[in-house]
Amino acid sequence: QVQLVESGGGLVQPGGSLRLSCAASGTARPIHIMGWHRQAPGKQRELVATITREGSTNYRDSVKGRFTISRDNAKNSVYLQMDSLKAEDTAVYYCVVFVGNFLTQVWGQGTQVTVSS
């Protein structure tokens, strides 16, 4: 069974940076797509960024130029470098991966990111 372990959340001031990490374990199947979603209080969960196994990336407009997603296929890990953070980036960030030929979706437990002075 695939398990995801997230780390790197925390409290940061506006304009600061954080780096989220997510490591997948428990599978020998290829992980095709890895990504991050977020959910702020009272709002729906939304896509932040995704990256394919080949390295193609996709970002929501509000984080373009500030966030960078990357992955290490050998470690089955995905990262989210978040710079120039804003208060509106405050949310629980969830790692998500799509595994195997049927793109089985697996979610992490979430990590809190709070941007506040």
N, C-alpha and C. Protein backbone atom coordinates (compact mmCIF):
# COMPACT_ATOMS: atom_id res chain seq x y z
N GLN A 1 0.84 -1.19 0.00
CA GLN A 1 0.00 0.00 0.00
C GLN A 1 0.88 1.24 0.00
N VAL A 2 0.56 2.19 -0.87
CA VAL A 2 1.36 3.39 -0.98
C VAL A 2 1.12 4.29 0.22
N GLN A 3 2.20 4.78 0.77
CA GLN A 3 2.11 5.73 1.88
C GLN A 3 2.91 6.98 1.51
N LEU A 4 2.37 8.13 1.91
CA LEU A 4 3.03 9.41 1.65
C LEU A 4 3.37 10.06 2.99
N VAL A 5 4.58 10.56 3.10
CA VAL A 5 5.01 11.27 4.30
C VAL A 5 5.41 12.68 3.88
N GLU A 6 4.70 13.65 4.42
CA GLU A 6 4.95 15.05 4.10
C GLU A 6 5.70 15.73 5.23
N SER A 7 6.46 16.75 4.87
CA SER A 7 7.16 17.53 5.87
C SER A 7 7.45 18.92 5.32
N GLY A 8 7.79 19.83 6.21
CA GLY A 8 8.25 21.15 5.78
C GLY A 8 7.30 22.29 6.03
N GLY A 9 6.11 22.01 6.51
CA GLY A 9 5.18 23.11 6.77
C GLY A 9 5.60 23.89 8.00
N GLY A 10 4.89 24.99 8.24
CA GLY A 10 5.20 25.79 9.41
C GLY A 10 4.67 27.19 9.30
N LEU A 11 5.17 28.05 10.19
CA LEU A 11 4.78 29.46 10.23
C LEU A 11 5.89 30.30 9.63
N VAL A 12 5.51 31.20 8.72
CA VAL A 12 6.50 32.05 8.07
C VAL A 12 5.89 33.43 7.87
N GLN A 13 6.73 34.44 7.87
CA GLN A 13 6.26 35.80 7.64
C GLN A 13 6.01 36.04 6.16
N PRO A 14 5.14 36.99 5.84
CA PRO A 14 4.93 37.34 4.43
C PRO A 14 6.25 37.69 3.77
N GLY A 15 6.43 37.19 2.55
CA GLY A 15 7.67 37.38 1.83
C GLY A 15 8.70 36.29 2.08
N GLY A 16 8.43 35.43 3.04
CA GLY A 16 9.37 34.38 3.37
C GLY A 16 9.23 33.16 2.47
N SER A 17 9.98 32.13 2.82
CA SER A 17 10.03 30.91 2.01
C SER A 17 9.86 29.67 2.87
N LEU A 18 9.31 28.65 2.25
CA LEU A 18 9.23 27.31 2.85
C LEU A 18 9.43 26.29 1.75
N ARG A 19 9.89 25.12 2.15
CA ARG A 19 10.05 24.02 1.20
C ARG A 19 9.33 22.80 1.75
N LEU A 20 8.35 22.34 1.01
CA LEU A 20 7.61 21.14 1.39
C LEU A 20 8.22 19.92 0.70
N SER A 21 8.20 18.81 1.41
CA SER A 21 8.69 17.55 0.86
C SER A 21 7.64 16.47 1.05
N CYS A 22 7.63 15.53 0.13
CA CYS A 22 6.70 14.41 0.21
C CYS A 22 7.40 13.18 -0.34
N ALA A 23 7.48 12.14 0.46
CA ALA A 23 8.14 10.91 0.04
C ALA A 23 7.12 9.77 -0.01
N ALA A 24 7.11 9.06 -1.11
CA ALA A 24 6.21 7.92 -1.28
C ALA A 24 6.95 6.62 -1.05
N SER A 25 6.26 5.68 -0.41
CA SER A 25 6.85 4.38 -0.17
C SER A 25 5.76 3.31 -0.31
N GLY A 26 6.20 2.07 -0.39
CA GLY A 26 5.25 0.97 -0.40
C GLY A 26 4.76 0.55 -1.76
N THR A 27 5.47 0.99 -2.83
CA THR A 27 5.05 0.58 -4.16
C THR A 27 6.26 0.41 -5.07
N ALA A 28 6.15 -0.59 -5.96
CA ALA A 28 7.18 -0.78 -6.99
C ALA A 28 6.67 -0.27 -8.33
N ARG A 29 5.41 0.17 -8.36
CA ARG A 29 4.83 0.67 -9.59
C ARG A 29 5.32 2.10 -9.85
N PRO A 30 5.37 2.49 -11.10
CA PRO A 30 5.83 3.84 -11.39
C PRO A 30 4.84 4.89 -10.90
N ILE A 31 5.36 5.98 -10.42
CA ILE A 31 4.53 7.11 -10.00
C ILE A 31 4.56 8.13 -11.12
N HIS A 32 3.45 8.24 -11.83
CA HIS A 32 3.45 9.05 -13.06
C HIS A 32 3.36 10.54 -12.78
N ILE A 33 2.43 10.93 -11.95
CA ILE A 33 2.22 12.34 -11.66
C ILE A 33 2.30 12.53 -10.15
N MET A 34 2.97 13.59 -9.75
CA MET A 34 3.05 13.99 -8.34
C MET A 34 2.64 15.45 -8.27
N GLY A 35 2.02 15.81 -7.16
CA GLY A 35 1.57 17.19 -7.08
C GLY A 35 1.20 17.61 -5.68
N TRP A 36 0.81 18.86 -5.61
CA TRP A 36 0.38 19.47 -4.35
C TRP A 36 -0.96 20.17 -4.56
N HIS A 37 -1.84 19.96 -3.61
CA HIS A 37 -3.08 20.72 -3.51
C HIS A 37 -3.06 21.45 -2.18
N ARG A 38 -3.97 22.36 -2.00
CA ARG A 38 -4.09 23.05 -0.72
C ARG A 38 -5.56 23.34 -0.41
N GLN A 39 -5.84 23.48 0.87
CA GLN A 39 -7.18 23.82 1.29
C GLN A 39 -7.12 24.81 2.44
N ALA A 40 -7.65 25.99 2.18
CA ALA A 40 -7.73 27.02 3.20
C ALA A 40 -9.03 26.87 3.96
N PRO A 41 -9.11 27.39 5.18
CA PRO A 41 -10.33 27.28 5.98
C PRO A 41 -11.54 27.85 5.24
N GLY A 42 -12.60 27.06 5.17
CA GLY A 42 -13.82 27.51 4.54
C GLY A 42 -13.80 27.51 3.03
N LYS A 43 -12.72 26.99 2.44
CA LYS A 43 -12.61 26.98 0.98
C LYS A 43 -12.43 25.55 0.48
N GLN A 44 -12.68 25.38 -0.81
CA GLN A 44 -12.49 24.07 -1.43
C GLN A 44 -11.01 23.80 -1.66
N ARG A 45 -10.68 22.52 -1.69
CA ARG A 45 -9.30 22.14 -2.01
C ARG A 45 -9.00 22.53 -3.45
N GLU A 46 -7.81 23.05 -3.69
CA GLU A 46 -7.44 23.50 -5.02
C GLU A 46 -6.05 23.00 -5.41
N LEU A 47 -5.90 22.83 -6.71
CA LEU A 47 -4.62 22.39 -7.24
C LEU A 47 -3.60 23.52 -7.12
N VAL A 48 -2.40 23.18 -6.69
CA VAL A 48 -1.31 24.15 -6.63
C VAL A 48 -0.33 23.91 -7.77
N ALA A 49 0.16 22.69 -7.87
CA ALA A 49 1.15 22.38 -8.91
C ALA A 49 1.23 20.88 -9.10
N THR A 50 1.59 20.48 -10.32
CA THR A 50 1.83 19.08 -10.60
C THR A 50 3.09 18.93 -11.44
N ILE A 51 3.65 17.72 -11.41
CA ILE A 51 4.83 17.42 -12.22
C ILE A 51 4.75 15.98 -12.67
N THR A 52 5.02 15.77 -13.95
CA THR A 52 5.01 14.41 -14.48
C THR A 52 6.36 13.73 -14.22
N ARG A 53 6.39 12.46 -14.50
CA ARG A 53 7.63 11.70 -14.32
C ARG A 53 8.74 12.24 -15.23
N GLU A 54 8.33 12.79 -16.37
CA GLU A 54 9.28 13.35 -17.32
C GLU A 54 9.70 14.78 -16.98
N GLY A 55 9.02 15.38 -15.99
CA GLY A 55 9.42 16.71 -15.55
C GLY A 55 8.56 17.86 -16.04
N SER A 56 7.48 17.55 -16.73
CA SER A 56 6.58 18.62 -17.17
C SER A 56 5.79 19.14 -15.97
N THR A 57 5.70 20.45 -15.86
CA THR A 57 5.06 21.06 -14.70
C THR A 57 3.83 21.86 -15.07
N ASN A 58 2.99 22.04 -14.07
CA ASN A 58 1.77 22.83 -14.23
C ASN A 58 1.51 23.55 -12.90
N TYR A 59 1.16 24.83 -12.97
CA TYR A 59 0.93 25.63 -11.75
C TYR A 59 -0.39 26.38 -11.87
N ARG A 60 -1.01 26.61 -10.72
CA ARG A 60 -2.15 27.52 -10.73
C ARG A 60 -1.59 28.92 -10.90
N ASP A 61 -2.39 29.80 -11.50
CA ASP A 61 -1.90 31.12 -11.87
C ASP A 61 -1.36 31.91 -10.68
N SER A 62 -2.00 31.79 -9.54
CA SER A 62 -1.65 32.64 -8.39
C SER A 62 -0.29 32.31 -7.78
N VAL A 63 0.29 31.17 -8.15
CA VAL A 63 1.59 30.81 -7.58
C VAL A 63 2.70 30.82 -8.62
N LYS A 64 2.35 31.05 -9.86
CA LYS A 64 3.37 31.07 -10.92
C LYS A 64 4.42 32.14 -10.62
N GLY A 65 5.68 31.78 -10.78
CA GLY A 65 6.77 32.70 -10.51
C GLY A 65 7.19 32.76 -9.06
N ARG A 66 6.40 32.16 -8.18
CA ARG A 66 6.74 32.14 -6.74
C ARG A 66 7.01 30.73 -6.23
N PHE A 67 6.29 29.75 -6.75
CA PHE A 67 6.44 28.36 -6.31
C PHE A 67 7.15 27.55 -7.40
N THR A 68 7.93 26.58 -6.97
CA THR A 68 8.60 25.68 -7.90
C THR A 68 8.42 24.25 -7.43
N ILE A 69 7.87 23.42 -8.29
CA ILE A 69 7.72 22.01 -7.98
C ILE A 69 8.83 21.23 -8.64
N SER A 70 9.33 20.22 -7.94
CA SER A 70 10.37 19.35 -8.49
C SER A 70 10.19 17.96 -7.91
N ARG A 71 10.89 17.00 -8.50
CA ARG A 71 10.78 15.63 -8.00
C ARG A 71 12.09 14.90 -8.19
N ASP A 72 12.24 13.87 -7.40
CA ASP A 72 13.39 12.97 -7.50
C ASP A 72 12.81 11.58 -7.71
N ASN A 73 12.85 11.09 -8.93
CA ASN A 73 12.23 9.80 -9.24
C ASN A 73 12.91 8.65 -8.50
N ALA A 74 14.21 8.75 -8.30
CA ALA A 74 14.92 7.68 -7.61
C ALA A 74 14.47 7.55 -6.15
N LYS A 75 14.02 8.67 -5.59
CA LYS A 75 13.58 8.67 -4.19
C LYS A 75 12.06 8.68 -4.06
N ASN A 76 11.36 8.64 -5.21
CA ASN A 76 9.89 8.74 -5.18
C ASN A 76 9.43 9.92 -4.33
N SER A 77 10.06 11.05 -4.56
CA SER A 77 9.78 12.23 -3.74
C SER A 77 9.45 13.43 -4.62
N VAL A 78 8.63 14.29 -4.06
CA VAL A 78 8.25 15.53 -4.72
C VAL A 78 8.44 16.67 -3.72
N TYR A 79 8.81 17.83 -4.26
CA TYR A 79 9.11 18.98 -3.43
C TYR A 79 8.34 20.20 -3.95
N LEU A 80 8.07 21.12 -3.04
CA LEU A 80 7.45 22.38 -3.42
C LEU A 80 8.21 23.50 -2.73
N GLN A 81 8.99 24.24 -3.51
CA GLN A 81 9.69 25.40 -3.00
C GLN A 81 8.76 26.59 -3.12
N MET A 82 8.46 27.21 -2.00
CA MET A 82 7.51 28.32 -1.97
C MET A 82 8.25 29.58 -1.54
N ASP A 83 8.33 30.54 -2.42
CA ASP A 83 9.00 31.82 -2.15
C ASP A 83 7.98 32.95 -2.22
N SER A 84 8.38 34.09 -1.68
CA SER A 84 7.51 35.27 -1.68
C SER A 84 6.11 34.93 -1.20
N LEU A 85 6.06 34.24 -0.09
CA LEU A 85 4.77 33.77 0.42
C LEU A 85 3.88 34.93 0.84
N LYS A 86 2.59 34.73 0.63
CA LYS A 86 1.58 35.73 0.96
C LYS A 86 0.59 35.13 1.97
N ALA A 87 -0.12 36.00 2.64
CA ALA A 87 -1.11 35.53 3.62
C ALA A 87 -2.12 34.58 2.97
N GLU A 88 -2.46 34.86 1.74
CA GLU A 88 -3.45 34.03 1.05
C GLU A 88 -2.93 32.64 0.67
N ASP A 89 -1.65 32.39 0.90
CA ASP A 89 -1.11 31.05 0.69
C ASP A 89 -1.33 30.17 1.92
N THR A 90 -1.83 30.74 2.99
CA THR A 90 -2.10 29.97 4.20
C THR A 90 -3.13 28.89 3.92
N ALA A 91 -2.77 27.65 4.23
CA ALA A 91 -3.65 26.51 3.96
C ALA A 91 -2.98 25.24 4.46
N VAL A 92 -3.75 24.17 4.44
CA VAL A 92 -3.16 22.85 4.60
C VAL A 92 -2.77 22.37 3.21
N TYR A 93 -1.53 21.98 3.06
CA TYR A 93 -1.02 21.52 1.76
C TYR A 93 -0.96 19.99 1.76
N TYR A 94 -1.51 19.42 0.69
CA TYR A 94 -1.60 17.97 0.55
C TYR A 94 -0.79 17.52 -0.65
N CYS A 95 0.00 16.51 -0.42
CA CYS A 95 0.71 15.84 -1.50
C CYS A 95 -0.24 14.82 -2.13
N VAL A 96 -0.18 14.66 -3.44
CA VAL A 96 -0.99 13.67 -4.13
C VAL A 96 -0.14 13.03 -5.22
N VAL A 97 -0.27 11.72 -5.37
CA VAL A 97 0.46 11.01 -6.41
C VAL A 97 -0.49 10.09 -7.16
N PHE A 98 -0.15 9.82 -8.41
CA PHE A 98 -0.93 8.93 -9.27
C PHE A 98 -0.01 7.78 -9.66
N VAL A 99 -0.41 6.58 -9.24
CA VAL A 99 0.49 5.43 -9.28
C VAL A 99 0.01 4.38 -10.26
N GLY A 100 0.93 3.80 -11.01
CA GLY A 100 0.65 2.64 -11.84
C GLY A 100 -0.15 2.97 -13.08
N ASN A 101 -0.45 1.93 -13.85
CA ASN A 101 -1.11 2.10 -15.13
C ASN A 101 -2.53 2.65 -15.01
N PHE A 102 -3.16 2.42 -13.89
CA PHE A 102 -4.53 2.92 -13.69
C PHE A 102 -4.55 4.25 -12.94
N LEU A 103 -3.39 4.82 -12.74
CA LEU A 103 -3.26 6.13 -12.10
C LEU A 103 -4.03 6.18 -10.78
N THR A 104 -3.77 5.22 -9.94
CA THR A 104 -4.38 5.19 -8.62
C THR A 104 -3.95 6.43 -7.84
N GLN A 105 -4.92 7.14 -7.30
CA GLN A 105 -4.66 8.40 -6.61
C GLN A 105 -4.47 8.15 -5.13
N VAL A 106 -3.39 8.70 -4.59
CA VAL A 106 -3.08 8.56 -3.17
C VAL A 106 -2.79 9.94 -2.60
N TRP A 107 -3.36 10.21 -1.44
CA TRP A 107 -3.21 11.51 -0.79
C TRP A 107 -2.37 11.40 0.48
N GLY A 108 -1.61 12.46 0.74
CA GLY A 108 -0.92 12.56 2.00
C GLY A 108 -1.84 13.09 3.09
N GLN A 109 -1.30 13.18 4.30
CA GLN A 109 -2.12 13.59 5.45
C GLN A 109 -2.25 15.11 5.55
N GLY A 110 -1.42 15.83 4.84
CA GLY A 110 -1.48 17.29 4.86
C GLY A 110 -0.50 17.89 5.83
N THR A 111 0.00 19.07 5.46
CA THR A 111 0.90 19.81 6.33
C THR A 111 0.47 21.28 6.33
N GLN A 112 0.44 21.88 7.50
CA GLN A 112 -0.06 23.24 7.63
C GLN A 112 1.00 24.25 7.24
N VAL A 113 0.61 25.20 6.41
CA VAL A 113 1.45 26.35 6.07
C VAL A 113 0.69 27.60 6.49
N THR A 114 1.31 28.39 7.35
CA THR A 114 0.70 29.62 7.84
C THR A 114 1.63 30.79 7.53
N VAL A 115 1.09 31.76 6.80
CA VAL A 115 1.86 32.95 6.45
C VAL A 115 1.25 34.12 7.20
N SER A 116 2.00 34.63 8.16
CA SER A 116 1.48 35.68 9.03
C SER A 116 2.61 36.44 9.69
N SER A 117 2.37 37.72 9.91
CA SER A 117 3.36 38.53 10.61
C SER A 117 3.06 38.56 12.11
